[in-house]
Protein backbone atom coordinates (compact mmCIF):
# COMPACT_ATOMS: atom_id res chain seq x y z
CA MET A 1 64.33 13.09 -7.20
CA LYS A 2 62.85 10.09 -5.35
CA ARG A 3 60.34 10.83 -2.60
CA VAL A 4 60.38 9.03 0.77
CA VAL A 5 57.74 8.98 3.51
CA ILE A 6 58.59 7.54 6.93
CA PHE A 7 56.18 6.06 9.48
CA ALA A 8 57.39 6.04 13.11
CA SER A 9 55.79 5.53 16.52
CA GLY A 10 58.46 6.51 19.02
CA SER A 11 61.68 8.43 19.50
CA GLY A 12 62.48 8.63 15.81
CA SER A 13 66.24 8.00 15.88
CA ASN A 14 66.03 5.90 12.71
CA ALA A 15 63.81 8.52 11.06
CA GLU A 16 66.27 11.29 11.97
CA ASN A 17 69.18 9.21 10.67
CA LEU A 18 67.40 8.68 7.34
CA ILE A 19 66.38 12.35 7.06
CA LYS A 20 69.95 13.51 7.67
CA PHE A 21 71.37 10.90 5.29
CA PHE A 22 69.21 12.15 2.42
CA GLN A 23 69.32 15.89 3.22
CA ASN A 24 72.22 16.66 0.91
CA ARG A 25 71.70 13.96 -1.70
CA ASP A 26 70.46 14.64 -5.19
CA ASN A 27 68.71 11.28 -5.70
CA ALA A 28 66.12 11.29 -2.87
CA SER A 29 64.68 13.18 0.07
CA VAL A 30 62.41 12.45 3.01
CA ILE A 31 59.34 14.56 2.34
CA GLN A 32 57.19 13.65 5.34
CA VAL A 33 56.98 11.66 8.56
CA LEU A 34 53.69 10.18 9.75
CA THR A 35 53.08 8.87 13.26
CA ASN A 36 50.30 7.12 15.14
CA ASN A 37 51.51 8.68 18.39
CA PRO A 38 50.73 12.39 18.93
CA HIS A 39 53.33 12.47 21.73
CA ALA A 40 56.11 10.70 19.80
CA LYS A 41 59.55 12.30 20.08
CA VAL A 42 59.88 11.87 16.31
CA LEU A 43 57.61 14.94 15.98
CA ASP A 44 60.16 17.08 17.87
CA ARG A 45 62.98 15.73 15.71
CA CYS A 46 61.05 16.59 12.54
CA LYS A 47 60.37 20.12 13.79
CA LYS A 48 64.11 20.69 14.36
CA LEU A 49 64.94 19.21 10.95
CA LYS A 50 62.17 21.21 9.21
CA ILE A 51 60.40 18.08 7.91
CA SER A 52 56.62 17.91 7.61
CA ALA A 53 55.17 15.59 10.26
CA LEU A 54 51.61 14.55 10.98
CA SER A 55 49.99 12.31 13.54
CA PHE A 56 46.89 10.25 12.86
CA ASN A 57 44.57 7.96 14.80
CA LYS A 58 43.50 4.36 14.25
CA ILE A 59 40.29 5.35 12.44
CA ALA A 60 42.18 7.47 9.88
CA PHE A 61 44.60 4.57 9.34
CA THR A 62 42.39 1.48 9.25
CA GLU A 63 38.74 2.51 8.82
CA THR A 64 38.97 5.37 6.33
CA GLU A 65 41.26 6.24 3.45
CA ASP A 66 42.59 9.40 5.15
CA VAL A 67 46.17 8.17 5.50
CA LEU A 68 46.07 6.54 2.06
CA ASN A 69 44.93 9.87 0.59
CA ILE A 70 47.84 11.69 2.28
CA LEU A 71 50.19 9.17 0.72
CA LYS A 72 48.53 9.45 -2.71
CA ALA A 73 49.01 13.23 -2.56
CA ASN A 74 52.69 12.83 -1.61
CA LYS A 75 53.41 10.24 -4.35
CA PRO A 76 56.20 8.47 -2.44
CA ASP A 77 58.62 6.21 -4.27
CA LEU A 78 59.28 4.40 -0.99
CA ILE A 79 57.46 4.17 2.35
CA ILE A 80 59.69 3.28 5.28
CA LEU A 81 58.53 1.91 8.62
CA ALA A 82 61.10 2.96 11.22
CA GLY A 83 59.86 1.81 14.59
CA PHE A 84 56.23 1.91 13.49
CA LEU A 85 54.18 -0.45 15.65
CA TRP A 86 50.83 -0.89 13.92
CA LYS A 87 50.08 -3.50 11.30
CA PHE A 88 50.00 -1.85 7.90
CA PRO A 89 46.56 -1.85 6.23
CA GLU A 90 46.02 -3.77 3.01
CA ASN A 91 44.56 -0.78 1.14
CA ILE A 92 47.91 1.05 1.42
CA LEU A 93 49.92 -2.08 0.59
CA LYS A 94 47.79 -2.69 -2.50
CA TYR A 95 48.12 0.90 -3.69
CA PHE A 96 51.91 0.89 -3.13
CA PRO A 97 52.99 -2.69 -4.00
CA ASN A 98 56.63 -3.45 -3.12
CA LYS A 99 57.13 0.13 -1.95
CA VAL A 100 56.75 -0.37 1.82
CA ILE A 101 59.76 -1.56 3.81
CA ASN A 102 60.50 -2.12 7.49
CA VAL A 103 63.56 -2.57 9.67
CA HIS A 104 63.16 -5.31 12.29
CA PRO A 105 65.55 -5.65 15.27
CA ALA A 106 66.25 -9.36 14.83
CA LEU A 107 67.23 -11.91 12.20
CA LEU A 108 63.86 -12.87 10.77
CA PRO A 109 62.15 -15.27 10.77
CA LYS A 110 63.36 -15.53 14.39
CA PHE A 111 61.71 -13.19 16.90
CA GLY A 112 59.16 -11.69 14.53
CA GLY A 113 55.41 -11.35 14.64
CA LYS A 114 52.81 -9.51 16.68
CA GLY A 115 54.20 -8.05 19.88
CA MET A 116 57.82 -8.60 18.86
CA TYR A 117 59.31 -5.11 18.84
CA GLY A 118 61.95 -3.17 20.74
CA MET A 119 62.99 -4.56 24.11
CA HIS A 120 60.56 -7.49 23.75
CA VAL A 121 62.74 -8.77 20.90
CA HIS A 122 66.03 -8.13 22.70
CA GLN A 123 64.83 -9.83 25.88
CA ALA A 124 63.66 -12.84 23.84
CA VAL A 125 67.12 -13.05 22.25
CA ILE A 126 68.70 -13.07 25.74
CA ASP A 127 66.15 -15.53 27.17
CA ASN A 128 66.73 -17.88 24.24
CA LYS A 129 70.50 -17.71 24.81
CA GLU A 130 71.15 -16.76 21.17
CA SER A 131 74.81 -16.39 20.16
CA GLU A 132 73.95 -13.87 17.45
CA THR A 133 71.21 -11.51 16.43
CA GLY A 134 70.96 -8.62 14.03
CA ILE A 135 68.69 -6.54 11.84
CA THR A 136 66.42 -7.46 8.96
CA ILE A 137 65.23 -4.98 6.37
CA HIS A 138 62.24 -6.45 4.56
CA TYR A 139 59.26 -5.62 2.40
CA VAL A 140 56.00 -5.25 4.30
CA ASN A 141 53.08 -7.51 3.46
CA GLU A 142 49.75 -8.24 5.16
CA ASN A 143 51.42 -10.26 7.96
CA TYR A 144 53.77 -8.99 10.67
CA ASP A 145 57.43 -9.47 9.69
CA GLU A 146 56.77 -11.98 6.90
CA GLY A 147 57.61 -9.91 3.79
CA ALA A 148 60.53 -10.75 1.51
CA ILE A 149 63.92 -10.07 3.09
CA ILE A 150 66.01 -7.35 1.45
CA PHE A 151 69.03 -7.28 3.79
CA GLN A 152 70.31 -8.78 7.04
CA GLU A 153 73.32 -7.92 9.16
CA LYS A 154 74.46 -9.93 12.20
CA CYS A 155 76.18 -9.17 15.48
CA LYS A 156 77.42 -11.39 18.29
CA VAL A 157 75.52 -11.80 21.54
CA LEU A 158 77.81 -12.43 24.50
CA ALA A 159 76.74 -14.60 27.44
CA SER A 160 77.16 -11.51 29.65
CA ASP A 161 74.98 -9.26 27.45
CA THR A 162 71.77 -7.79 28.80
CA ALA A 163 68.75 -6.90 26.70
CA GLN A 164 70.00 -3.28 26.76
CA ASP A 165 73.42 -4.38 25.48
CA VAL A 166 71.68 -6.13 22.59
CA ALA A 167 69.52 -3.04 21.96
CA ASP A 168 72.66 -0.90 21.73
CA LYS A 169 74.26 -3.29 19.21
CA ILE A 170 71.09 -3.38 17.11
CA HIS A 171 70.79 0.41 17.18
CA GLU A 172 74.34 0.70 15.85
CA LEU A 173 73.57 -1.76 13.03
CA GLU A 174 70.45 0.21 12.11
CA MET A 175 72.32 3.53 12.10
CA ASN A 176 75.12 2.11 9.94
CA HIS A 177 73.14 0.04 7.43
CA PHE A 178 69.54 1.22 7.11
CA PRO A 179 70.19 4.47 5.18
CA GLU A 180 72.57 2.80 2.73
CA VAL A 181 70.17 -0.08 2.03
CA VAL A 182 67.37 2.44 1.44
CA ASN A 183 69.66 4.41 -0.86
CA GLN A 184 70.43 1.29 -2.91
CA LEU A 185 66.71 0.47 -3.18
CA LEU A 186 65.98 3.97 -4.43
CA LYS A 187 68.61 3.62 -7.15
CA LYS A 188 66.79 0.62 -8.69
């Protein structure tokens, strides 16, 4: 049985989707969710789904090995960033090479990098008058949104679309594709 740990910072809809996807599978399960936000709604979702969830601060993440030690104890086969907003520290990336992935709400390399998350990305897509956007699932490296691309899926952007319309389309792509891509990775 493969072990998955999810990092999230906000509402946790992607985390919940992944947890539910793997709940009745015999190949993998989500064993824990970690968050940098003690008020994140993902904590409530985890409580309802009976999944272990912990919050941590910046010191535990970047200045000590506290979070790394939690991960070492959990022995994850895959670490998934699902709406996690902090840059991932090199000590964790080195300990878990090619085992940390992220979903980004745009077609990288467009609209990636520091500060490009959530509605900031969707508004940039609208402001740039893009005709399409999508999701990118990629490996995490020491730079924001620059790791090797695993999967991309596109959707059309209409001239009449708002940033919220784009957000809704991206959310649907994430819900439909993210769990299956993770499942395929875990089968390798």
